Amino acid sequence: MAENQVSRDQLRKVVGFLDKATGWFYVVLGGWLLAVETYLAVAQLTTHGLLFKTLLALLILTALGVANGFYRTSEKRQDRALQQIDQAIEKRKK
C-alpha cells in the first residue's frame, strides 16, 4: 500500500473491508457453535442444568459478538488502524 501511494479514503475502505471480513468470520463461527450446542442440548435434553448453562453461554457469546461488531466498525477503531498504517508507512520511508 505504501508503494502504491494509496489515498486516505482508500485506506479507510480497506480497513473497513478487513473489519467486515473479520466480523463475518465470527458470524460463521457462531453459527457452527450454535449448531453444535443445539445438537448437544437435544441429545441431553433430560439434563436441564446443561441446557440452562448452554443457553447462558450462547447468550453471553452472542452479546460479546455484537459488542465486537460495534467496536470493529466504530470510527475510533478505524482511525486507530489508519494511524498504525501511517506509522508503518513512515517507518518504511526512513
PDB file of N, CA and C in Angstrom:
ATOM      1  N   MET A   1       0.817  -1.180   0.000  1.00  0.00           N
ATOM      2  CA  MET A   1       0.000   0.000   0.000  1.00  0.00           C
ATOM      3  C   MET A   1       0.866   1.251   0.000  1.00  0.00           C
ATOM      4  N   ALA A   2       1.973   1.208   0.731  1.00  0.00           N
ATOM      5  CA  ALA A   2       2.848   2.377   0.798  1.00  0.00           C
ATOM      6  C   ALA A   2       3.478   2.649  -0.562  1.00  0.00           C
ATOM      7  N   GLU A   3       3.823   1.612  -1.284  1.00  0.00           N
ATOM      8  CA  GLU A   3       4.457   1.786  -2.591  1.00  0.00           C
ATOM      9  C   GLU A   3       3.476   2.305  -3.631  1.00  0.00           C
ATOM     10  N   ASN A   4       2.201   2.004  -3.490  1.00  0.00           N
ATOM     11  CA  ASN A   4       1.188   2.436  -4.452  1.00  0.00           C
ATOM     12  C   ASN A   4       0.604   3.799  -4.130  1.00  0.00           C
ATOM     13  N   GLN A   5       1.029   4.408  -3.041  1.00  0.00           N
ATOM     14  CA  GLN A   5       0.552   5.722  -2.609  1.00  0.00           C
ATOM     15  C   GLN A   5      -0.979   5.773  -2.585  1.00  0.00           C
ATOM     16  N   VAL A   6      -1.551   4.922  -1.776  1.00  0.00           N
ATOM     17  CA  VAL A   6      -3.000   4.815  -1.647  1.00  0.00           C
ATOM     18  C   VAL A   6      -3.512   6.013  -0.843  1.00  0.00           C
ATOM     19  N   SER A   7      -4.646   6.558  -1.266  1.00  0.00           N
ATOM     20  CA  SER A   7      -5.217   7.710  -0.569  1.00  0.00           C
ATOM     21  C   SER A   7      -5.791   7.287   0.780  1.00  0.00           C
ATOM     22  N   ARG A   8      -6.007   8.284   1.629  1.00  0.00           N
ATOM     23  CA  ARG A   8      -6.543   8.018   2.964  1.00  0.00           C
ATOM     24  C   ARG A   8      -7.950   7.414   2.870  1.00  0.00           C
ATOM     25  N   ASP A   9      -8.742   7.864   1.925  1.00  0.00           N
ATOM     26  CA  ASP A   9     -10.088   7.328   1.745  1.00  0.00           C
ATOM     27  C   ASP A   9     -10.028   5.850   1.347  1.00  0.00           C
ATOM     28  N   GLN A  10      -9.085   5.513   0.472  1.00  0.00           N
ATOM     29  CA  GLN A  10      -8.931   4.117   0.066  1.00  0.00           C
ATOM     30  C   GLN A  10      -8.456   3.260   1.237  1.00  0.00           C
ATOM     31  N   LEU A  11      -7.552   3.810   2.066  1.00  0.00           N
ATOM     32  CA  LEU A  11      -7.102   3.077   3.250  1.00  0.00           C
ATOM     33  C   LEU A  11      -8.263   2.825   4.201  1.00  0.00           C
ATOM     34  N   ARG A  12      -9.117   3.828   4.377  1.00  0.00           N
ATOM     35  CA  ARG A  12     -10.276   3.675   5.249  1.00  0.00           C
ATOM     36  C   ARG A  12     -11.190   2.560   4.720  1.00  0.00           C
ATOM     37  N   LYS A  13     -11.356   2.493   3.413  1.00  0.00           N
ATOM     38  CA  LYS A  13     -12.196   1.442   2.826  1.00  0.00           C
ATOM     39  C   LYS A  13     -11.573   0.063   3.025  1.00  0.00           C
ATOM     40  N   VAL A  14     -10.252  -0.012   2.901  1.00  0.00           N
ATOM     41  CA  VAL A  14      -9.561  -1.302   3.107  1.00  0.00           C
ATOM     42  C   VAL A  14      -9.714  -1.755   4.547  1.00  0.00           C
ATOM     43  N   VAL A  15      -9.508  -0.830   5.479  1.00  0.00           N
ATOM     44  CA  VAL A  15      -9.649  -1.176   6.896  1.00  0.00           C
ATOM     45  C   VAL A  15     -11.084  -1.614   7.182  1.00  0.00           C
ATOM     46  N   GLY A  16     -12.060  -0.898   6.636  1.00  0.00           N
ATOM     47  CA  GLY A  16     -13.463  -1.275   6.819  1.00  0.00           C
ATOM     48  C   GLY A  16     -13.762  -2.643   6.246  1.00  0.00           C
ATOM     49  N   PHE A  17     -13.214  -2.929   5.061  1.00  0.00           N
ATOM     50  CA  PHE A  17     -13.426  -4.238   4.443  1.00  0.00           C
ATOM     51  C   PHE A  17     -12.831  -5.347   5.302  1.00  0.00           C
ATOM     52  N   LEU A  18     -11.612  -5.141   5.806  1.00  0.00           N
ATOM     53  CA  LEU A  18     -10.990  -6.158   6.648  1.00  0.00           C
ATOM     54  C   LEU A  18     -11.773  -6.376   7.931  1.00  0.00           C
ATOM     55  N   ASP A  19     -12.288  -5.299   8.504  1.00  0.00           N
ATOM     56  CA  ASP A  19     -13.096  -5.442   9.714  1.00  0.00           C
ATOM     57  C   ASP A  19     -14.391  -6.191   9.431  1.00  0.00           C
ATOM     58  N   LYS A  20     -15.020  -5.920   8.294  1.00  0.00           N
ATOM     59  CA  LYS A  20     -16.253  -6.633   7.943  1.00  0.00           C
ATOM     60  C   LYS A  20     -15.967  -8.107   7.678  1.00  0.00           C
ATOM     61  N   ALA A  21     -14.850  -8.396   7.030  1.00  0.00           N
ATOM     62  CA  ALA A  21     -14.490  -9.795   6.777  1.00  0.00           C
ATOM     63  C   ALA A  21     -14.266 -10.528   8.094  1.00  0.00           C
ATOM     64  N   THR A  22     -13.611  -9.865   9.046  1.00  0.00           N
ATOM     65  CA  THR A  22     -13.407 -10.475  10.360  1.00  0.00           C
ATOM     66  C   THR A  22     -14.740 -10.695  11.054  1.00  0.00           C
ATOM     67  N   GLY A  23     -15.635  -9.736  10.932  1.00  0.00           N
ATOM     68  CA  GLY A  23     -16.962  -9.876  11.529  1.00  0.00           C
ATOM     69  C   GLY A  23     -17.726 -11.063  10.964  1.00  0.00           C
ATOM     70  N   TRP A  24     -17.669 -11.248   9.649  1.00  0.00           N
ATOM     71  CA  TRP A  24     -18.364 -12.381   9.028  1.00  0.00           C
ATOM     72  C   TRP A  24     -17.739 -13.704   9.444  1.00  0.00           C
ATOM     73  N   PHE A  25     -16.425 -13.701   9.696  1.00  0.00           N
ATOM     74  CA  PHE A  25     -15.783 -14.918  10.206  1.00  0.00           C
ATOM     75  C   PHE A  25     -16.408 -15.301  11.546  1.00  0.00           C
ATOM     76  N   TYR A  26     -16.598 -14.302  12.414  1.00  0.00           N
ATOM     77  CA  TYR A  26     -17.204 -14.573  13.716  1.00  0.00           C
ATOM     78  C   TYR A  26     -18.662 -15.015  13.576  1.00  0.00           C
ATOM     79  N   VAL A  27     -19.367 -14.485  12.606  1.00  0.00           N
ATOM     80  CA  VAL A  27     -20.749 -14.913  12.368  1.00  0.00           C
ATOM     81  C   VAL A  27     -20.780 -16.396  11.997  1.00  0.00           C
ATOM     82  N   VAL A  28     -19.902 -16.788  11.102  1.00  0.00           N
ATOM     83  CA  VAL A  28     -19.840 -18.194  10.683  1.00  0.00           C
ATOM     84  C   VAL A  28     -19.444 -19.088  11.849  1.00  0.00           C
ATOM     85  N   LEU A  29     -18.445 -18.655  12.609  1.00  0.00           N
ATOM     86  CA  LEU A  29     -18.013 -19.428  13.772  1.00  0.00           C
ATOM     87  C   LEU A  29     -19.156 -19.573  14.769  1.00  0.00           C
ATOM     88  N   GLY A  30     -19.893 -18.498  14.986  1.00  0.00           N
ATOM     89  CA  GLY A  30     -21.042 -18.556  15.888  1.00  0.00           C
ATOM     90  C   GLY A  30     -22.107 -19.517  15.392  1.00  0.00           C
ATOM     91  N   GLY A  31     -22.325 -19.544  14.083  1.00  0.00           N
ATOM     92  CA  GLY A  31     -23.288 -20.483  13.513  1.00  0.00           C
ATOM     93  C   GLY A  31     -22.893 -21.927  13.769  1.00  0.00           C
ATOM     94  N   TRP A  32     -21.626 -22.214  13.590  1.00  0.00           N
ATOM     95  CA  TRP A  32     -21.156 -23.577  13.846  1.00  0.00           C
ATOM     96  C   TRP A  32     -21.281 -23.932  15.332  1.00  0.00           C
ATOM     97  N   LEU A  33     -20.910 -23.002  16.197  1.00  0.00           N
ATOM     98  CA  LEU A  33     -21.042 -23.268  17.629  1.00  0.00           C
ATOM     99  C   LEU A  33     -22.501 -23.465  18.023  1.00  0.00           C
ATOM    100  N   LEU A  34     -23.375 -22.685  17.431  1.00  0.00           N
ATOM    101  CA  LEU A  34     -24.797 -22.831  17.709  1.00  0.00           C
ATOM    102  C   LEU A  34     -25.308 -24.202  17.262  1.00  0.00           C
ATOM    103  N   ALA A  35     -24.855 -24.649  16.105  1.00  0.00           N
ATOM    104  CA  ALA A  35     -25.272 -25.967  15.615  1.00  0.00           C
ATOM    105  C   ALA A  35     -24.789 -27.072  16.548  1.00  0.00           C
ATOM    106  N   VAL A  36     -23.551 -26.974  16.991  1.00  0.00           N
ATOM    107  CA  VAL A  36     -23.001 -27.997  17.892  1.00  0.00           C
ATOM    108  C   VAL A  36     -23.727 -27.963  19.230  1.00  0.00           C
ATOM    109  N   GLU A  37     -23.924 -26.776  19.776  1.00  0.00           N
ATOM    110  CA  GLU A  37     -24.598 -26.666  21.064  1.00  0.00           C
ATOM    111  C   GLU A  37     -26.054 -27.130  20.981  1.00  0.00           C
ATOM    112  N   THR A  38     -26.714 -26.839  19.884  1.00  0.00           N
ATOM    113  CA  THR A  38     -28.089 -27.303  19.708  1.00  0.00           C
ATOM    114  C   THR A  38     -28.140 -28.823  19.678  1.00  0.00           C
ATOM    115  N   TYR A  39     -27.204 -29.422  18.968  1.00  0.00           N
ATOM    116  CA  TYR A  39     -27.145 -30.888  18.920  1.00  0.00           C
ATOM    117  C   TYR A  39     -26.927 -31.459  20.321  1.00  0.00           C
ATOM    118  N   LEU A  40     -25.983 -30.880  21.057  1.00  0.00           N
ATOM    119  CA  LEU A  40     -25.706 -31.375  22.398  1.00  0.00           C
ATOM    120  C   LEU A  40     -26.903 -31.190  23.325  1.00  0.00           C
ATOM    121  N   ALA A  41     -27.597 -30.064  23.200  1.00  0.00           N
ATOM    122  CA  ALA A  41     -28.755 -29.813  24.056  1.00  0.00           C
ATOM    123  C   ALA A  41     -29.874 -30.797  23.765  1.00  0.00           C
ATOM    124  N   VAL A  42     -30.103 -31.060  22.508  1.00  0.00           N
ATOM    125  CA  VAL A  42     -31.158 -32.015  22.142  1.00  0.00           C
ATOM    126  C   VAL A  42     -30.755 -33.420  22.569  1.00  0.00           C
ATOM    127  N   ALA A  43     -29.501 -33.765  22.403  1.00  0.00           N
ATOM    128  CA  ALA A  43     -29.025 -35.103  22.765  1.00  0.00           C
ATOM    129  C   ALA A  43     -29.144 -35.353  24.265  1.00  0.00           C
ATOM    130  N   GLN A  44     -28.998 -34.317  25.051  1.00  0.00           N
ATOM    131  CA  GLN A  44     -29.049 -34.489  26.508  1.00  0.00           C
ATOM    132  C   GLN A  44     -30.176 -33.648  27.105  1.00  0.00           C
ATOM    133  N   LEU A  45     -31.308 -33.647  26.472  1.00  0.00           N
ATOM    134  CA  LEU A  45     -32.428 -32.814  26.885  1.00  0.00           C
ATOM    135  C   LEU A  45     -32.891 -33.104  28.308  1.00  0.00           C
ATOM    136  N   THR A  46     -32.663 -34.300  28.761  1.00  0.00           N
ATOM    137  CA  THR A  46     -33.112 -34.647  30.104  1.00  0.00           C
ATOM    138  C   THR A  46     -32.307 -33.937  31.180  1.00  0.00           C
ATOM    139  N   THR A  47     -31.123 -33.468  30.867  1.00  0.00           N
ATOM    140  CA  THR A  47     -30.288 -32.763  31.828  1.00  0.00           C
ATOM    141  C   THR A  47     -30.580 -31.268  31.703  1.00  0.00           C
ATOM    142  N   HIS A  48     -31.456 -30.761  32.536  1.00  0.00           N
ATOM    143  CA  HIS A  48     -31.873 -29.360  32.444  1.00  0.00           C
ATOM    144  C   HIS A  48     -30.744 -28.404  32.826  1.00  0.00           C
ATOM    145  N   GLY A  49     -29.866 -28.825  33.722  1.00  0.00           N
ATOM    146  CA  GLY A  49     -28.742 -27.972  34.116  1.00  0.00           C
ATOM    147  C   GLY A  49     -27.835 -27.675  32.942  1.00  0.00           C
ATOM    148  N   LEU A  50     -27.573 -28.681  32.114  1.00  0.00           N
ATOM    149  CA  LEU A  50     -26.722 -28.480  30.944  1.00  0.00           C
ATOM    150  C   LEU A  50     -27.402 -27.571  29.931  1.00  0.00           C
ATOM    151  N   LEU A  51     -28.694 -27.739  29.764  1.00  0.00           N
ATOM    152  CA  LEU A  51     -29.437 -26.907  28.824  1.00  0.00           C
ATOM    153  C   LEU A  51     -29.389 -25.442  29.246  1.00  0.00           C
ATOM    154  N   PHE A  52     -29.579 -25.174  30.532  1.00  0.00           N
ATOM    155  CA  PHE A  52     -29.520 -23.799  31.034  1.00  0.00           C
ATOM    156  C   PHE A  52     -28.133 -23.202  30.835  1.00  0.00           C
ATOM    157  N   LYS A  53     -27.095 -23.977  31.173  1.00  0.00           N
ATOM    158  CA  LYS A  53     -25.721 -23.493  31.008  1.00  0.00           C
ATOM    159  C   LYS A  53     -25.408 -23.228  29.539  1.00  0.00           C
ATOM    160  N   THR A  54     -25.892 -24.081  28.668  1.00  0.00           N
ATOM    161  CA  THR A  54     -25.667 -23.912  27.235  1.00  0.00           C
ATOM    162  C   THR A  54     -26.344 -22.641  26.729  1.00  0.00           C
ATOM    163  N   LEU A  55     -27.594 -22.439  27.128  1.00  0.00           N
ATOM    164  CA  LEU A  55     -28.309 -21.237  26.714  1.00  0.00           C
ATOM    165  C   LEU A  55     -27.644 -19.974  27.268  1.00  0.00           C
ATOM    166  N   LEU A  56     -27.184 -20.032  28.493  1.00  0.00           N
ATOM    167  CA  LEU A  56     -26.493 -18.896  29.097  1.00  0.00           C
ATOM    168  C   LEU A  56     -25.195 -18.595  28.343  1.00  0.00           C
ATOM    169  N   ALA A  57     -24.450 -19.643  28.023  1.00  0.00           N
ATOM    170  CA  ALA A  57     -23.205 -19.457  27.271  1.00  0.00           C
ATOM    171  C   ALA A  57     -23.491 -18.862  25.894  1.00  0.00           C
ATOM    172  N   LEU A  58     -24.543 -19.331  25.234  1.00  0.00           N
ATOM    173  CA  LEU A  58     -24.901 -18.791  23.919  1.00  0.00           C
ATOM    174  C   LEU A  58     -25.300 -17.324  24.002  1.00  0.00           C
ATOM    175  N   LEU A  59     -26.036 -16.953  25.033  1.00  0.00           N
ATOM    176  CA  LEU A  59     -26.405 -15.550  25.211  1.00  0.00           C
ATOM    177  C   LEU A  59     -25.176 -14.674  25.443  1.00  0.00           C
ATOM    178  N   ILE A  60     -24.255 -15.151  26.264  1.00  0.00           N
ATOM    179  CA  ILE A  60     -23.032 -14.388  26.539  1.00  0.00           C
ATOM    180  C   ILE A  60     -22.197 -14.258  25.269  1.00  0.00           C
ATOM    181  N   LEU A  61     -22.034 -15.360  24.535  1.00  0.00           N
ATOM    182  CA  LEU A  61     -21.255 -15.308  23.297  1.00  0.00           C
ATOM    183  C   LEU A  61     -21.906 -14.401  22.260  1.00  0.00           C
ATOM    184  N   THR A  62     -23.215 -14.416  22.193  1.00  0.00           N
ATOM    185  CA  THR A  62     -23.921 -13.542  21.256  1.00  0.00           C
ATOM    186  C   THR A  62     -23.704 -12.075  21.633  1.00  0.00           C
ATOM    187  N   ALA A  63     -23.813 -11.760  22.908  1.00  0.00           N
ATOM    188  CA  ALA A  63     -23.596 -10.390  23.363  1.00  0.00           C
ATOM    189  C   ALA A  63     -22.162  -9.940  23.072  1.00  0.00           C
ATOM    190  N   LEU A  64     -21.204 -10.815  23.308  1.00  0.00           N
ATOM    191  CA  LEU A  64     -19.810 -10.481  23.007  1.00  0.00           C
ATOM    192  C   LEU A  64     -19.593 -10.280  21.508  1.00  0.00           C
ATOM    193  N   GLY A  65     -20.245 -11.086  20.692  1.00  0.00           N
ATOM    194  CA  GLY A  65     -20.130 -10.935  19.245  1.00  0.00           C
ATOM    195  C   GLY A  65     -20.701  -9.612  18.761  1.00  0.00           C
ATOM    196  N   VAL A  66     -21.841  -9.226  19.306  1.00  0.00           N
ATOM    197  CA  VAL A  66     -22.448  -7.943  18.933  1.00  0.00           C
ATOM    198  C   VAL A  66     -21.553  -6.786  19.373  1.00  0.00           C
ATOM    199  N   ALA A  67     -21.039  -6.856  20.596  1.00  0.00           N
ATOM    200  CA  ALA A  67     -20.149  -5.806  21.089  1.00  0.00           C
ATOM    201  C   ALA A  67     -18.891  -5.714  20.229  1.00  0.00           C
ATOM    202  N   ASN A  68     -18.336  -6.853  19.839  1.00  0.00           N
ATOM    203  CA  ASN A  68     -17.152  -6.857  18.988  1.00  0.00           C
ATOM    204  C   ASN A  68     -17.448  -6.234  17.625  1.00  0.00           C
ATOM    205  N   GLY A  69     -18.622  -6.518  17.085  1.00  0.00           N
ATOM    206  CA  GLY A  69     -19.012  -5.929  15.809  1.00  0.00           C
ATOM    207  C   GLY A  69     -19.108  -4.416  15.883  1.00  0.00           C
ATOM    208  N   PHE A  70     -19.724  -3.906  16.954  1.00  0.00           N
ATOM    209  CA  PHE A  70     -19.821  -2.458  17.124  1.00  0.00           C
ATOM    210  C   PHE A  70     -18.434  -1.837  17.282  1.00  0.00           C
ATOM    211  N   TYR A  71     -17.558  -2.506  18.037  1.00  0.00           N
ATOM    212  CA  TYR A  71     -16.210  -1.978  18.234  1.00  0.00           C
ATOM    213  C   TYR A  71     -15.441  -1.928  16.916  1.00  0.00           C
ATOM    214  N   ARG A  72     -15.459  -3.016  16.158  1.00  0.00           N
ATOM    215  CA  ARG A  72     -14.651  -3.099  14.941  1.00  0.00           C
ATOM    216  C   ARG A  72     -15.133  -2.165  13.838  1.00  0.00           C
ATOM    217  N   THR A  73     -16.389  -1.763  13.874  1.00  0.00           N
ATOM    218  CA  THR A  73     -16.892  -0.852  12.847  1.00  0.00           C
ATOM    219  C   THR A  73     -16.963   0.594  13.329  1.00  0.00           C
ATOM    220  N   SER A  74     -16.474   0.867  14.523  1.00  0.00           N
ATOM    221  CA  SER A  74     -16.526   2.226  15.055  1.00  0.00           C
ATOM    222  C   SER A  74     -15.480   3.108  14.372  1.00  0.00           C
ATOM    223  N   GLU A  75     -15.779   4.395  14.310  1.00  0.00           N
ATOM    224  CA  GLU A  75     -14.849   5.369  13.723  1.00  0.00           C
ATOM    225  C   GLU A  75     -13.545   5.414  14.503  1.00  0.00           C
ATOM    226  N   LYS A  76     -13.644   5.327  15.835  1.00  0.00           N
ATOM    227  CA  LYS A  76     -12.448   5.377  16.680  1.00  0.00           C
ATOM    228  C   LYS A  76     -11.498   4.230  16.325  1.00  0.00           C
ATOM    229  N   ARG A  77     -12.038   3.039  16.149  1.00  0.00           N
ATOM    230  CA  ARG A  77     -11.216   1.863  15.799  1.00  0.00           C
ATOM    231  C   ARG A  77     -10.579   2.045  14.430  1.00  0.00           C
ATOM    232  N   GLN A  78     -11.357   2.552  13.466  1.00  0.00           N
ATOM    233  CA  GLN A  78     -10.823   2.751  12.119  1.00  0.00           C
ATOM    234  C   GLN A  78      -9.748   3.830  12.114  1.00  0.00           C
ATOM    235  N   ASP A  79      -9.955   4.902  12.879  1.00  0.00           N
ATOM    236  CA  ASP A  79      -8.937   5.955  12.962  1.00  0.00           C
ATOM    237  C   ASP A  79      -7.645   5.415  13.565  1.00  0.00           C
ATOM    238  N   ARG A  80      -7.761   4.583  14.596  1.00  0.00           N
ATOM    239  CA  ARG A  80      -6.574   3.986  15.219  1.00  0.00           C
ATOM    240  C   ARG A  80      -5.844   3.081  14.224  1.00  0.00           C
ATOM    241  N   ALA A  81      -6.590   2.301  13.450  1.00  0.00           N
ATOM    242  CA  ALA A  81      -5.972   1.425  12.445  1.00  0.00           C
ATOM    243  C   ALA A  81      -5.274   2.253  11.372  1.00  0.00           C
ATOM    244  N   LEU A  82      -5.891   3.350  10.961  1.00  0.00           N
ATOM    245  CA  LEU A  82      -5.266   4.225   9.962  1.00  0.00           C
ATOM    246  C   LEU A  82      -3.997   4.868  10.505  1.00  0.00           C
ATOM    247  N   GLN A  83      -3.991   5.237  11.786  1.00  0.00           N
ATOM    248  CA  GLN A  83      -2.784   5.788  12.397  1.00  0.00           C
ATOM    249  C   GLN A  83      -1.659   4.759  12.402  1.00  0.00           C
ATOM    250  N   GLN A  84      -1.992   3.522  12.698  1.00  0.00           N
ATOM    251  CA  GLN A  84      -0.980   2.466  12.687  1.00  0.00           C
ATOM    252  C   GLN A  84      -0.430   2.255  11.282  1.00  0.00           C
ATOM    253  N   ILE A  85      -1.293   2.335  10.277  1.00  0.00           N
ATOM    254  CA  ILE A  85      -0.843   2.208   8.890  1.00  0.00           C
ATOM    255  C   ILE A  85       0.066   3.371   8.535  1.00  0.00           C
ATOM    256  N   ASP A  86      -0.325   4.585   8.943  1.00  0.00           N
ATOM    257  CA  ASP A  86       0.505   5.772   8.686  1.00  0.00           C
ATOM    258  C   ASP A  86       1.887   5.633   9.329  1.00  0.00           C
ATOM    259  N   GLN A  87       1.924   5.139  10.562  1.00  0.00           N
ATOM    260  CA  GLN A  87       3.202   4.946  11.245  1.00  0.00           C
ATOM    261  C   GLN A  87       4.056   3.920  10.535  1.00  0.00           C
ATOM    262  N   ALA A  88       3.436   2.852  10.052  1.00  0.00           N
ATOM    263  CA  ALA A  88       4.184   1.827   9.318  1.00  0.00           C
ATOM    264  C   ALA A  88       4.743   2.392   8.017  1.00  0.00           C
ATOM    265  N   ILE A  89       3.958   3.242   7.359  1.00  0.00           N
ATOM    266  CA  ILE A  89       4.415   3.861   6.107  1.00  0.00           C
ATOM    267  C   ILE A  89       5.595   4.784   6.393  1.00  0.00           C
ATOM    268  N   GLU A  90       5.511   5.564   7.471  1.00  0.00           N
ATOM    269  CA  GLU A  90       6.603   6.469   7.838  1.00  0.00           C
ATOM    270  C   GLU A  90       7.874   5.687   8.168  1.00  0.00           C
ATOM    271  N   LYS A  91       7.751   4.588   8.880  1.00  0.00           N
ATOM    272  CA  LYS A  91       8.920   3.759   9.201  1.00  0.00           C
ATOM    273  C   LYS A  91       9.545   3.197   7.917  1.00  0.00           C
ATOM    274  N   ARG A  92       8.693   2.809   6.996  1.00  0.00           N
ATOM    275  CA  ARG A  92       9.182   2.226   5.746  1.00  0.00           C
ATOM    276  C   ARG A  92       9.928   3.260   4.913  1.00  0.00           C
ATOM    277  N   LYS A  93       9.478   4.524   4.963  1.00  0.00           N
ATOM    278  CA  LYS A  93      10.121   5.585   4.207  1.00  0.00           C
ATOM    279  C   LYS A  93      11.503   5.913   4.753  1.00  0.00           C
ATOM    280  N   LYS A  94      11.706   5.732   6.064  1.00  0.00           N
ATOM    281  CA  LYS A  94      13.002   6.073   6.686  1.00  0.00           C
ATOM    282  C   LYS A  94      14.073   5.110   6.344  1.00  0.00           C
TER     283      LYS A  94
END
